[in-house]
C-alpha cells in the first residue's frame, strides 16, 4: 500500500472506531509510539507495548462525550491527522484535548506514530 492508501484506510477505520483492525492491518509489528516529553505515557516500541499503552489510557476514561479525527494530510512517507476528544477522566475530570498525530509509513505499514498536544 502507498502512504496515501494507508492514510485513507486509517481514516476509514478510525471513523468506525475500529482500532483493533487499524493495529492489525496497518501497523508494523515493531512500530514505535512517541508521546510528548510532558506526557506520562512515554515512548514505547512494538505492538504489544502499543496495545498495553492504549489499554491503560482507555482505563482512565470514565465517559467519552465526543471525539473526532480530521482527514489525513499526506507528504512523502508521512501522514498527519488533527484529532481531539471530550472525555471525563478518572483522575482529571472532564477534559477536552486537541492534538496532531503524525504517522510514518514504510513498506505499506505504519512504523511510527508521534503525538503533539
PDB file of N, CA and C in Angstrom:
ATOM      1  N   UNK A   1       0.836  -1.190   0.000  1.00  0.00           N
ATOM      2  CA  UNK A   1       0.000   0.000   0.000  1.00  0.00           C
ATOM      3  C   UNK A   1       0.879   1.250   0.000  1.00  0.00           C
ATOM      4  N   UNK A   2       0.428   2.272  -0.690  1.00  0.00           N
ATOM      5  CA  UNK A   2       1.110   3.564  -0.661  1.00  0.00           C
ATOM      6  C   UNK A   2       0.777   4.285   0.641  1.00  0.00           C
ATOM      7  N   UNK A   3       1.511   5.342   0.923  1.00  0.00           N
ATOM      8  CA  UNK A   3       1.217   6.143   2.117  1.00  0.00           C
ATOM      9  C   UNK A   3      -0.213   6.689   2.031  1.00  0.00           C
ATOM     10  N   UNK A   4      -0.637   7.144   0.864  1.00  0.00           N
ATOM     11  CA  UNK A   4      -1.999   7.660   0.693  1.00  0.00           C
ATOM     12  C   UNK A   4      -3.030   6.574   0.993  1.00  0.00           C
ATOM     13  N   UNK A   5      -2.785   5.361   0.515  1.00  0.00           N
ATOM     14  CA  UNK A   5      -3.721   4.257   0.763  1.00  0.00           C
ATOM     15  C   UNK A   5      -3.780   3.901   2.250  1.00  0.00           C
ATOM     16  N   UNK A   6      -2.630   3.891   2.916  1.00  0.00           N
ATOM     17  CA  UNK A   6      -2.603   3.627   4.358  1.00  0.00           C
ATOM     18  C   UNK A   6      -3.383   4.717   5.090  1.00  0.00           C
ATOM     19  N   UNK A   7      -3.138   5.976   4.718  1.00  0.00           N
ATOM     20  CA  UNK A   7      -3.824   7.102   5.369  1.00  0.00           C
ATOM     21  C   UNK A   7      -5.332   7.020   5.158  1.00  0.00           C
ATOM     22  N   UNK A   8      -5.752   6.716   3.938  1.00  0.00           N
ATOM     23  CA  UNK A   8      -7.188   6.608   3.645  1.00  0.00           C
ATOM     24  C   UNK A   8      -7.832   5.472   4.437  1.00  0.00           C
ATOM     25  N   UNK A   9      -7.153   4.331   4.494  1.00  0.00           N
ATOM     26  CA  UNK A   9      -7.681   3.186   5.246  1.00  0.00           C
ATOM     27  C   UNK A   9      -7.722   3.506   6.741  1.00  0.00           C
ATOM     28  N   UNK A  10      -6.680   4.160   7.238  1.00  0.00           N
ATOM     29  CA  UNK A  10      -6.656   4.582   8.639  1.00  0.00           C
ATOM     30  C   UNK A  10      -7.878   5.445   8.937  1.00  0.00           C
ATOM     31  N   UNK A  11      -8.124   6.433   8.108  1.00  0.00           N
ATOM     32  CA  UNK A  11      -9.248   7.354   8.320  1.00  0.00           C
ATOM     33  C   UNK A  11     -10.588   6.606   8.266  1.00  0.00           C
ATOM     34  N   UNK A  12     -10.724   5.704   7.327  1.00  0.00           N
ATOM     35  CA  UNK A  12     -11.949   4.900   7.202  1.00  0.00           C
ATOM     36  C   UNK A  12     -12.199   4.081   8.469  1.00  0.00           C
ATOM     37  N   UNK A  13     -11.180   3.405   8.961  1.00  0.00           N
ATOM     38  CA  UNK A  13     -11.326   2.565  10.155  1.00  0.00           C
ATOM     39  C   UNK A  13     -11.487   3.399  11.421  1.00  0.00           C
ATOM     40  N   UNK A  14     -10.779   4.526  11.500  1.00  0.00           N
ATOM     41  CA  UNK A  14     -10.890   5.398  12.667  1.00  0.00           C
ATOM     42  C   UNK A  14     -12.317   5.935  12.801  1.00  0.00           C
ATOM     43  N   UNK A  15     -12.951   6.239  11.679  1.00  0.00           N
ATOM     44  CA  UNK A  15     -14.334   6.739  11.712  1.00  0.00           C
ATOM     45  C   UNK A  15     -15.286   5.718  12.326  1.00  0.00           C
ATOM     46  N   UNK A  16     -14.930   4.434  12.234  1.00  0.00           N
ATOM     47  CA  UNK A  16     -15.733   3.350  12.815  1.00  0.00           C
ATOM     48  C   UNK A  16     -15.238   2.980  14.220  1.00  0.00           C
ATOM     49  N   UNK A  17     -14.203   3.679  14.697  1.00  0.00           N
ATOM     50  CA  UNK A  17     -13.559   3.366  15.989  1.00  0.00           C
ATOM     51  C   UNK A  17     -13.024   1.938  16.012  1.00  0.00           C
ATOM     52  N   UNK A  18     -12.579   1.454  14.850  1.00  0.00           N
ATOM     53  CA  UNK A  18     -12.079   0.089  14.711  1.00  0.00           C
ATOM     54  C   UNK A  18     -10.554   0.072  14.877  1.00  0.00           C
ATOM     55  N   UNK A  19     -10.125   0.371  16.084  1.00  0.00           N
ATOM     56  CA  UNK A  19      -8.696   0.465  16.359  1.00  0.00           C
ATOM     57  C   UNK A  19      -8.002  -0.885  16.279  1.00  0.00           C
ATOM     58  N   UNK A  20      -8.724  -1.947  16.582  1.00  0.00           N
ATOM     59  CA  UNK A  20      -8.128  -3.283  16.510  1.00  0.00           C
ATOM     60  C   UNK A  20      -7.684  -3.590  15.084  1.00  0.00           C
ATOM     61  N   UNK A  21      -8.537  -3.264  14.100  1.00  0.00           N
ATOM     62  CA  UNK A  21      -8.166  -3.501  12.702  1.00  0.00           C
ATOM     63  C   UNK A  21      -7.062  -2.548  12.261  1.00  0.00           C
ATOM     64  N   UNK A  22      -7.107  -1.304  12.726  1.00  0.00           N
ATOM     65  CA  UNK A  22      -6.025  -0.371  12.411  1.00  0.00           C
ATOM     66  C   UNK A  22      -4.694  -0.987  12.837  1.00  0.00           C
ATOM     67  N   UNK A  23      -4.617  -1.465  14.075  1.00  0.00           N
ATOM     68  CA  UNK A  23      -3.371  -2.029  14.585  1.00  0.00           C
ATOM     69  C   UNK A  23      -2.962  -3.303  13.839  1.00  0.00           C
ATOM     70  N   UNK A  24      -3.906  -4.192  13.592  1.00  0.00           N
ATOM     71  CA  UNK A  24      -3.549  -5.482  12.986  1.00  0.00           C
ATOM     72  C   UNK A  24      -3.264  -5.364  11.490  1.00  0.00           C
ATOM     73  N   UNK A  25      -3.940  -4.457  10.813  1.00  0.00           N
ATOM     74  CA  UNK A  25      -3.813  -4.352   9.358  1.00  0.00           C
ATOM     75  C   UNK A  25      -2.765  -3.333   8.914  1.00  0.00           C
ATOM     76  N   UNK A  26      -2.645  -2.226   9.632  1.00  0.00           N
ATOM     77  CA  UNK A  26      -1.849  -1.111   9.135  1.00  0.00           C
ATOM     78  C   UNK A  26      -0.503  -0.912   9.833  1.00  0.00           C
ATOM     79  N   UNK A  27      -0.294  -1.486  10.993  1.00  0.00           N
ATOM     80  CA  UNK A  27       0.926  -1.248  11.765  1.00  0.00           C
ATOM     81  C   UNK A  27       1.957  -2.355  11.557  1.00  0.00           C
ATOM     82  N   UNK A  28       3.216  -1.941  11.534  1.00  0.00           N
ATOM     83  CA  UNK A  28       4.328  -2.879  11.595  1.00  0.00           C
ATOM     84  C   UNK A  28       4.375  -3.455  13.009  1.00  0.00           C
ATOM     85  N   UNK A  29       4.778  -4.696  13.146  1.00  0.00           N
ATOM     86  CA  UNK A  29       4.856  -5.318  14.473  1.00  0.00           C
ATOM     87  C   UNK A  29       5.872  -4.632  15.376  1.00  0.00           C
ATOM     88  N   UNK A  30       6.824  -3.923  14.783  1.00  0.00           N
ATOM     89  CA  UNK A  30       7.862  -3.266  15.575  1.00  0.00           C
ATOM     90  C   UNK A  30       7.663  -1.747  15.608  1.00  0.00           C
ATOM     91  N   UNK A  31       6.439  -1.290  15.396  1.00  0.00           N
ATOM     92  CA  UNK A  31       6.155   0.156  15.355  1.00  0.00           C
ATOM     93  C   UNK A  31       6.513   0.826  16.677  1.00  0.00           C
ATOM     94  N   UNK A  32       6.801   2.126  16.567  1.00  0.00           N
ATOM     95  CA  UNK A  32       7.150   2.938  17.736  1.00  0.00           C
ATOM     96  C   UNK A  32       6.041   3.960  17.959  1.00  0.00           C
ATOM     97  N   UNK A  33       5.710   4.216  19.206  1.00  0.00           N
ATOM     98  CA  UNK A  33       4.718   5.219  19.590  1.00  0.00           C
ATOM     99  C   UNK A  33       5.403   6.247  20.479  1.00  0.00           C
ATOM    100  N   UNK A  34       5.358   7.514  20.058  1.00  0.00           N
ATOM    101  CA  UNK A  34       6.096   8.582  20.738  1.00  0.00           C
ATOM    102  C   UNK A  34       5.118   9.630  21.261  1.00  0.00           C
ATOM    103  N   UNK A  35       5.172   9.884  22.544  1.00  0.00           N
ATOM    104  CA  UNK A  35       4.360  10.916  23.188  1.00  0.00           C
ATOM    105  C   UNK A  35       5.241  12.126  23.492  1.00  0.00           C
ATOM    106  N   UNK A  36       4.639  13.288  23.730  1.00  0.00           N
ATOM    107  CA  UNK A  36       5.436  14.459  24.108  1.00  0.00           C
ATOM    108  C   UNK A  36       6.192  14.224  25.421  1.00  0.00           C
ATOM    109  N   UNK A  37       7.257  14.988  25.612  1.00  0.00           N
ATOM    110  CA  UNK A  37       8.086  14.849  26.819  1.00  0.00           C
ATOM    111  C   UNK A  37       7.281  15.073  28.098  1.00  0.00           C
ATOM    112  N   UNK A  38       6.263  15.942  28.055  1.00  0.00           N
ATOM    113  CA  UNK A  38       5.477  16.238  29.250  1.00  0.00           C
ATOM    114  C   UNK A  38       4.422  15.165  29.550  1.00  0.00           C
ATOM    115  N   UNK A  39       4.266  14.201  28.684  1.00  0.00           N
ATOM    116  CA  UNK A  39       3.243  13.172  28.838  1.00  0.00           C
ATOM    117  C   UNK A  39       3.690  12.077  29.807  1.00  0.00           C
ATOM    118  N   UNK A  40       2.738  11.520  30.507  1.00  0.00           N
ATOM    119  CA  UNK A  40       3.020  10.389  31.393  1.00  0.00           C
ATOM    120  C   UNK A  40       3.120   9.068  30.623  1.00  0.00           C
ATOM    121  N   UNK A  41       2.766   9.073  29.334  1.00  0.00           N
ATOM    122  CA  UNK A  41       2.674   7.833  28.559  1.00  0.00           C
ATOM    123  C   UNK A  41       3.993   7.410  27.930  1.00  0.00           C
ATOM    124  N   UNK A  42       4.905   8.328  27.725  1.00  0.00           N
ATOM    125  CA  UNK A  42       6.236   7.987  27.236  1.00  0.00           C
ATOM    126  C   UNK A  42       6.274   7.423  25.823  1.00  0.00           C
ATOM    127  N   UNK A  43       7.409   6.812  25.503  1.00  0.00           N
ATOM    128  CA  UNK A  43       7.641   6.200  24.199  1.00  0.00           C
ATOM    129  C   UNK A  43       7.699   4.698  24.386  1.00  0.00           C
ATOM    130  N   UNK A  44       7.019   3.976  23.498  1.00  0.00           N
ATOM    131  CA  UNK A  44       7.043   2.513  23.547  1.00  0.00           C
ATOM    132  C   UNK A  44       7.325   1.969  22.148  1.00  0.00           C
ATOM    133  N   UNK A  45       7.820   0.738  22.105  1.00  0.00           N
ATOM    134  CA  UNK A  45       8.153   0.092  20.835  1.00  0.00           C
ATOM    135  C   UNK A  45       7.511  -1.279  20.792  1.00  0.00           C
ATOM    136  N   UNK A  46       6.921  -1.620  19.638  1.00  0.00           N
ATOM    137  CA  UNK A  46       6.313  -2.928  19.426  1.00  0.00           C
ATOM    138  C   UNK A  46       4.821  -2.901  19.704  1.00  0.00           C
ATOM    139  N   UNK A  47       4.110  -3.741  18.969  1.00  0.00           N
ATOM    140  CA  UNK A  47       2.650  -3.727  19.065  1.00  0.00           C
ATOM    141  C   UNK A  47       2.135  -4.157  20.432  1.00  0.00           C
ATOM    142  N   UNK A  48       2.809  -5.048  21.095  1.00  0.00           N
ATOM    143  CA  UNK A  48       2.370  -5.454  22.440  1.00  0.00           C
ATOM    144  C   UNK A  48       2.377  -4.241  23.372  1.00  0.00           C
ATOM    145  N   UNK A  49       3.454  -3.459  23.320  1.00  0.00           N
ATOM    146  CA  UNK A  49       3.559  -2.269  24.172  1.00  0.00           C
ATOM    147  C   UNK A  49       2.557  -1.195  23.759  1.00  0.00           C
ATOM    148  N   UNK A  50       2.313  -1.041  22.461  1.00  0.00           N
ATOM    149  CA  UNK A  50       1.333  -0.058  21.986  1.00  0.00           C
ATOM    150  C   UNK A  50      -0.068  -0.451  22.443  1.00  0.00           C
ATOM    151  N   UNK A  51      -0.395  -1.731  22.335  1.00  0.00           N
ATOM    152  CA  UNK A  51      -1.697  -2.209  22.827  1.00  0.00           C
ATOM    153  C   UNK A  51      -1.841  -1.947  24.325  1.00  0.00           C
ATOM    154  N   UNK A  52      -0.812  -2.234  25.082  1.00  0.00           N
ATOM    155  CA  UNK A  52      -0.854  -2.044  26.534  1.00  0.00           C
ATOM    156  C   UNK A  52      -1.039  -0.567  26.881  1.00  0.00           C
ATOM    157  N   UNK A  53      -0.331   0.304  26.176  1.00  0.00           N
ATOM    158  CA  UNK A  53      -0.474   1.750  26.409  1.00  0.00           C
ATOM    159  C   UNK A  53      -1.917   2.182  26.122  1.00  0.00           C
ATOM    160  N   UNK A  54      -2.469   1.705  25.020  1.00  0.00           N
ATOM    161  CA  UNK A  54      -3.852   2.040  24.674  1.00  0.00           C
ATOM    162  C   UNK A  54      -4.850   1.527  25.698  1.00  0.00           C
ATOM    163  N   UNK A  55      -4.608   0.318  26.193  1.00  0.00           N
ATOM    164  CA  UNK A  55      -5.474  -0.268  27.221  1.00  0.00           C
ATOM    165  C   UNK A  55      -5.443   0.568  28.497  1.00  0.00           C
ATOM    166  N   UNK A  56      -4.237   0.961  28.921  1.00  0.00           N
ATOM    167  CA  UNK A  56      -4.104   1.766  30.133  1.00  0.00           C
ATOM    168  C   UNK A  56      -4.769   3.128  29.974  1.00  0.00           C
ATOM    169  N   UNK A  57      -4.610   3.736  28.792  1.00  0.00           N
ATOM    170  CA  UNK A  57      -5.265   5.016  28.537  1.00  0.00           C
ATOM    171  C   UNK A  57      -6.790   4.842  28.602  1.00  0.00           C
ATOM    172  N   UNK A  58      -7.297   3.793  27.966  1.00  0.00           N
ATOM    173  CA  UNK A  58      -8.734   3.520  27.982  1.00  0.00           C
ATOM    174  C   UNK A  58      -9.282   3.350  29.392  1.00  0.00           C
ATOM    175  N   UNK A  59      -8.488   2.777  30.281  1.00  0.00           N
ATOM    176  CA  UNK A  59      -8.915   2.573  31.662  1.00  0.00           C
ATOM    177  C   UNK A  59      -9.027   3.884  32.435  1.00  0.00           C
ATOM    178  N   UNK A  60      -8.436   4.964  31.934  1.00  0.00           N
ATOM    179  CA  UNK A  60      -8.538   6.261  32.613  1.00  0.00           C
ATOM    180  C   UNK A  60      -9.800   7.026  32.220  1.00  0.00           C
ATOM    181  N   UNK A  61     -10.519   6.529  31.213  1.00  0.00           N
ATOM    182  CA  UNK A  61     -11.712   7.223  30.712  1.00  0.00           C
ATOM    183  C   UNK A  61     -12.963   6.702  31.408  1.00  0.00           C
ATOM    184  N   UNK A  62     -13.696   7.625  32.027  1.00  0.00           N
ATOM    185  CA  UNK A  62     -14.964   7.283  32.656  1.00  0.00           C
ATOM    186  C   UNK A  62     -16.067   7.342  31.610  1.00  0.00           C
ATOM    187  N   UNK A  63     -16.066   8.418  30.813  1.00  0.00           N
ATOM    188  CA  UNK A  63     -17.085   8.590  29.772  1.00  0.00           C
ATOM    189  C   UNK A  63     -16.504   9.409  28.624  1.00  0.00           C
ATOM    190  N   UNK A  64     -16.702   8.922  27.393  1.00  0.00           N
ATOM    191  CA  UNK A  64     -16.291   9.654  26.202  1.00  0.00           C
ATOM    192  C   UNK A  64     -17.518  10.413  25.693  1.00  0.00           C
ATOM    193  N   UNK A  65     -17.413  11.729  25.680  1.00  0.00           N
ATOM    194  CA  UNK A  65     -18.534  12.572  25.264  1.00  0.00           C
ATOM    195  C   UNK A  65     -18.512  12.853  23.765  1.00  0.00           C
ATOM    196  N   UNK A  66     -17.304  13.012  23.211  1.00  0.00           N
ATOM    197  CA  UNK A  66     -17.175  13.343  21.794  1.00  0.00           C
ATOM    198  C   UNK A  66     -15.742  13.063  21.367  1.00  0.00           C
ATOM    199  N   UNK A  67     -15.560  12.832  20.095  1.00  0.00           N
ATOM    200  CA  UNK A  67     -14.228  12.638  19.552  1.00  0.00           C
ATOM    201  C   UNK A  67     -14.250  12.867  18.057  1.00  0.00           C
ATOM    202  N   UNK A  68     -13.104  13.254  17.508  1.00  0.00           N
ATOM    203  CA  UNK A  68     -13.051  13.475  16.063  1.00  0.00           C
ATOM    204  C   UNK A  68     -11.640  13.244  15.545  1.00  0.00           C
ATOM    205  N   UNK A  69     -11.574  12.884  14.284  1.00  0.00           N
ATOM    206  CA  UNK A  69     -10.326  12.794  13.535  1.00  0.00           C
ATOM    207  C   UNK A  69     -10.569  13.434  12.180  1.00  0.00           C
ATOM    208  N   UNK A  70      -9.723  14.386  11.835  1.00  0.00           N
ATOM    209  CA  UNK A  70      -9.852  15.060  10.538  1.00  0.00           C
ATOM    210  C   UNK A  70      -9.181  14.217   9.458  1.00  0.00           C
ATOM    211  N   UNK A  71      -9.545  14.482   8.196  1.00  0.00           N
ATOM    212  CA  UNK A  71      -8.944  13.752   7.077  1.00  0.00           C
ATOM    213  C   UNK A  71      -7.431  13.931   7.080  1.00  0.00           C
ATOM    214  N   UNK A  72      -6.715  12.865   6.746  1.00  0.00           N
ATOM    215  CA  UNK A  72      -5.254  12.940   6.776  1.00  0.00           C
ATOM    216  C   UNK A  72      -4.683  13.826   5.668  1.00  0.00           C
ATOM    217  N   UNK A  73      -3.542  14.410   5.984  1.00  0.00           N
ATOM    218  CA  UNK A  73      -2.727  15.142   5.027  1.00  0.00           C
ATOM    219  C   UNK A  73      -1.492  14.281   4.791  1.00  0.00           C
ATOM    220  N   UNK A  74      -1.177  14.013   3.525  1.00  0.00           N
ATOM    221  CA  UNK A  74      -0.071  13.116   3.175  1.00  0.00           C
ATOM    222  C   UNK A  74       1.070  13.902   2.543  1.00  0.00           C
ATOM    223  N   UNK A  75       2.292  13.585   2.960  1.00  0.00           N
ATOM    224  CA  UNK A  75       3.501  14.146   2.363  1.00  0.00           C
ATOM    225  C   UNK A  75       4.584  13.071   2.415  1.00  0.00           C
ATOM    226  N   UNK A  76       5.006  12.597   1.267  1.00  0.00           N
ATOM    227  CA  UNK A  76       6.043  11.568   1.221  1.00  0.00           C
ATOM    228  C   UNK A  76       5.620  10.321   1.973  1.00  0.00           C
ATOM    229  N   UNK A  77       6.444   9.897   2.926  1.00  0.00           N
ATOM    230  CA  UNK A  77       6.158   8.693   3.725  1.00  0.00           C
ATOM    231  C   UNK A  77       5.419   9.005   5.014  1.00  0.00           C
ATOM    232  N   UNK A  78       4.828  10.197   5.107  1.00  0.00           N
ATOM    233  CA  UNK A  78       4.165  10.607   6.336  1.00  0.00           C
ATOM    234  C   UNK A  78       2.723  11.039   6.061  1.00  0.00           C
ATOM    235  N   UNK A  79       1.879  10.847   7.075  1.00  0.00           N
ATOM    236  CA  UNK A  79       0.567  11.487   7.061  1.00  0.00           C
ATOM    237  C   UNK A  79       0.256  11.977   8.464  1.00  0.00           C
ATOM    238  N   UNK A  80      -0.542  13.026   8.514  1.00  0.00           N
ATOM    239  CA  UNK A  80      -0.899  13.631   9.798  1.00  0.00           C
ATOM    240  C   UNK A  80      -2.393  13.857   9.851  1.00  0.00           C
ATOM    241  N   UNK A  81      -2.944  13.743  11.049  1.00  0.00           N
ATOM    242  CA  UNK A  81      -4.360  13.987  11.295  1.00  0.00           C
ATOM    243  C   UNK A  81      -4.500  14.878  12.524  1.00  0.00           C
ATOM    244  N   UNK A  82      -5.393  15.839  12.439  1.00  0.00           N
ATOM    245  CA  UNK A  82      -5.800  16.567  13.637  1.00  0.00           C
ATOM    246  C   UNK A  82      -6.843  15.705  14.322  1.00  0.00           C
ATOM    247  N   UNK A  83      -6.728  15.565  15.637  1.00  0.00           N
ATOM    248  CA  UNK A  83      -7.635  14.719  16.412  1.00  0.00           C
ATOM    249  C   UNK A  83      -8.016  15.444  17.695  1.00  0.00           C
ATOM    250  N   UNK A  84      -9.104  15.011  18.277  1.00  0.00           N
ATOM    251  CA  UNK A  84      -9.487  15.569  19.555  1.00  0.00           C
ATOM    252  C   UNK A  84     -10.553  14.740  20.222  1.00  0.00           C
ATOM    253  N   UNK A  85     -10.733  14.995  21.512  1.00  0.00           N
ATOM    254  CA  UNK A  85     -11.803  14.328  22.244  1.00  0.00           C
ATOM    255  C   UNK A  85     -12.243  15.180  23.417  1.00  0.00           C
ATOM    256  N   UNK A  86     -13.414  14.856  23.896  1.00  0.00           N
ATOM    257  CA  UNK A  86     -14.002  15.452  25.093  1.00  0.00           C
ATOM    258  C   UNK A  86     -14.403  14.264  25.956  1.00  0.00           C
ATOM    259  N   UNK A  87     -13.738  14.093  27.087  1.00  0.00           N
ATOM    260  CA  UNK A  87     -13.978  12.914  27.921  1.00  0.00           C
ATOM    261  C   UNK A  87     -13.875  13.268  29.391  1.00  0.00           C
ATOM    262  N   UNK A  88     -14.578  12.495  30.193  1.00  0.00           N
ATOM    263  CA  UNK A  88     -14.408  12.575  31.638  1.00  0.00           C
ATOM    264  C   UNK A  88     -13.389  11.520  32.019  1.00  0.00           C
ATOM    265  N   UNK A  89     -12.307  11.984  32.664  1.00  0.00           N
ATOM    266  CA  UNK A  89     -11.195  11.114  33.043  1.00  0.00           C
ATOM    267  C   UNK A  89     -11.262  10.838  34.547  1.00  0.00           C
ATOM    268  N   UNK A  90     -10.840   9.655  34.942  1.00  0.00           N
ATOM    269  CA  UNK A  90     -10.863   9.263  36.352  1.00  0.00           C
ATOM    270  C   UNK A  90     -10.128  10.243  37.249  1.00  0.00           C
ATOM    271  N   UNK A  91      -8.948  10.661  36.828  1.00  0.00           N
ATOM    272  CA  UNK A  91      -8.098  11.466  37.703  1.00  0.00           C
ATOM    273  C   UNK A  91      -8.129  12.962  37.421  1.00  0.00           C
ATOM    274  N   UNK A  92      -8.797  13.397  36.329  1.00  0.00           N
ATOM    275  CA  UNK A  92      -8.745  14.810  35.953  1.00  0.00           C
ATOM    276  C   UNK A  92     -10.096  15.444  35.680  1.00  0.00           C
ATOM    277  N   UNK A  93     -11.174  14.688  35.813  1.00  0.00           N
ATOM    278  CA  UNK A  93     -12.482  15.243  35.485  1.00  0.00           C
ATOM    279  C   UNK A  93     -12.660  15.355  33.985  1.00  0.00           C
ATOM    280  N   UNK A  94     -13.507  16.277  33.571  1.00  0.00           N
ATOM    281  CA  UNK A  94     -13.793  16.432  32.150  1.00  0.00           C
ATOM    282  C   UNK A  94     -12.646  17.177  31.460  1.00  0.00           C
ATOM    283  N   UNK A  95     -12.187  16.606  30.353  1.00  0.00           N
ATOM    284  CA  UNK A  95     -11.030  17.121  29.622  1.00  0.00           C
ATOM    285  C   UNK A  95     -11.374  17.215  28.144  1.00  0.00           C
ATOM    286  N   UNK A  96     -11.023  18.339  27.540  1.00  0.00           N
ATOM    287  CA  UNK A  96     -11.088  18.486  26.084  1.00  0.00           C
ATOM    288  C   UNK A  96      -9.657  18.587  25.594  1.00  0.00           C
ATOM    289  N   UNK A  97      -9.301  17.750  24.628  1.00  0.00           N
ATOM    290  CA  UNK A  97      -7.936  17.734  24.144  1.00  0.00           C
ATOM    291  C   UNK A  97      -7.910  17.770  22.627  1.00  0.00           C
ATOM    292  N   UNK A  98      -6.980  18.533  22.082  1.00  0.00           N
ATOM    293  CA  UNK A  98      -6.727  18.596  20.646  1.00  0.00           C
ATOM    294  C   UNK A  98      -5.276  18.197  20.421  1.00  0.00           C
ATOM    295  N   UNK A  99      -5.010  17.460  19.340  1.00  0.00           N
ATOM    296  CA  UNK A  99      -3.651  17.033  19.045  1.00  0.00           C
ATOM    297  C   UNK A  99      -3.447  16.862  17.553  1.00  0.00           C
ATOM    298  N   UNK A 100      -2.181  16.803  17.183  1.00  0.00           N
ATOM    299  CA  UNK A 100      -1.784  16.399  15.839  1.00  0.00           C
ATOM    300  C   UNK A 100      -1.112  15.045  15.995  1.00  0.00           C
ATOM    301  N   UNK A 101      -1.544  14.091  15.191  1.00  0.00           N
ATOM    302  CA  UNK A 101      -0.926  12.770  15.185  1.00  0.00           C
ATOM    303  C   UNK A 101      -0.188  12.613  13.857  1.00  0.00           C
ATOM    304  N   UNK A 102       1.081  12.282  13.934  1.00  0.00           N
ATOM    305  CA  UNK A 102       1.932  12.121  12.765  1.00  0.00           C
ATOM    306  C   UNK A 102       2.312  10.651  12.643  1.00  0.00           C
ATOM    307  N   UNK A 103       2.138  10.095  11.450  1.00  0.00           N
ATOM    308  CA  UNK A 103       2.411   8.680  11.208  1.00  0.00           C
ATOM    309  C   UNK A 103       3.451   8.541  10.101  1.00  0.00           C
ATOM    310  N   UNK A 104       4.422   7.659  10.308  1.00  0.00           N
ATOM    311  CA  UNK A 104       5.419   7.356   9.287  1.00  0.00           C
ATOM    312  C   UNK A 104       5.123   5.981   8.706  1.00  0.00           C
ATOM    313  N   UNK A 105       5.158   5.879   7.373  1.00  0.00           N
ATOM    314  CA  UNK A 105       4.834   4.639   6.665  1.00  0.00           C
ATOM    315  C   UNK A 105       6.062   4.155   5.896  1.00  0.00           C
ATOM    316  N   UNK A 106       6.387   2.874   6.049  1.00  0.00           N
ATOM    317  CA  UNK A 106       7.433   2.222   5.263  1.00  0.00           C
ATOM    318  C   UNK A 106       6.920   0.863   4.836  1.00  0.00           C
ATOM    319  N   UNK A 107       7.147   0.520   3.592  1.00  0.00           N
ATOM    320  CA  UNK A 107       6.735  -0.780   3.051  1.00  0.00           C
ATOM    321  C   UNK A 107       5.257  -1.060   3.320  1.00  0.00           C
ATOM    322  N   UNK A 108       4.420  -0.030   3.232  1.00  0.00           N
ATOM    323  CA  UNK A 108       2.981  -0.205   3.358  1.00  0.00           C
ATOM    324  C   UNK A 108       2.460  -0.359   4.777  1.00  0.00           C
ATOM    325  N   UNK A 109       3.297  -0.114   5.775  1.00  0.00           N
ATOM    326  CA  UNK A 109       2.885  -0.254   7.180  1.00  0.00           C
ATOM    327  C   UNK A 109       3.288   0.985   7.972  1.00  0.00           C
ATOM    328  N   UNK A 110       2.523   1.300   8.997  1.00  0.00           N
ATOM    329  CA  UNK A 110       2.881   2.371   9.912  1.00  0.00           C
ATOM    330  C   UNK A 110       4.013   1.875  10.799  1.00  0.00           C
ATOM    331  N   UNK A 111       5.136   2.594  10.764  1.00  0.00           N
ATOM    332  CA  UNK A 111       6.300   2.194  11.562  1.00  0.00           C
ATOM    333  C   UNK A 111       6.504   3.106  12.772  1.00  0.00           C
ATOM    334  N   UNK A 112       5.840   4.270  12.749  1.00  0.00           N
ATOM    335  CA  UNK A 112       5.952   5.188  13.889  1.00  0.00           C
ATOM    336  C   UNK A 112       4.734   6.089  13.950  1.00  0.00           C
ATOM    337  N   UNK A 113       4.329   6.387  15.170  1.00  0.00           N
ATOM    338  CA  UNK A 113       3.281   7.374  15.422  1.00  0.00           C
ATOM    339  C   UNK A 113       3.839   8.330  16.458  1.00  0.00           C
ATOM    340  N   UNK A 114       3.527   9.621  16.272  1.00  0.00           N
ATOM    341  CA  UNK A 114       4.003  10.611  17.231  1.00  0.00           C
ATOM    342  C   UNK A 114       2.879  11.627  17.454  1.00  0.00           C
ATOM    343  N   UNK A 115       2.669  11.962  18.708  1.00  0.00           N
ATOM    344  CA  UNK A 115       1.556  12.838  19.075  1.00  0.00           C
ATOM    345  C   UNK A 115       2.064  14.159  19.609  1.00  0.00           C
ATOM    346  N   UNK A 116       1.395  15.237  19.191  1.00  0.00           N
ATOM    347  CA  UNK A 116       1.735  16.587  19.621  1.00  0.00           C
ATOM    348  C   UNK A 116       0.503  17.220  20.243  1.00  0.00           C
ATOM    349  N   UNK A 117       0.572  17.506  21.538  1.00  0.00           N
ATOM    350  CA  UNK A 117      -0.538  18.144  22.257  1.00  0.00           C
ATOM    351  C   UNK A 117      -0.031  18.948  23.411  1.00  0.00           C
TER     352      UNK A 117
END
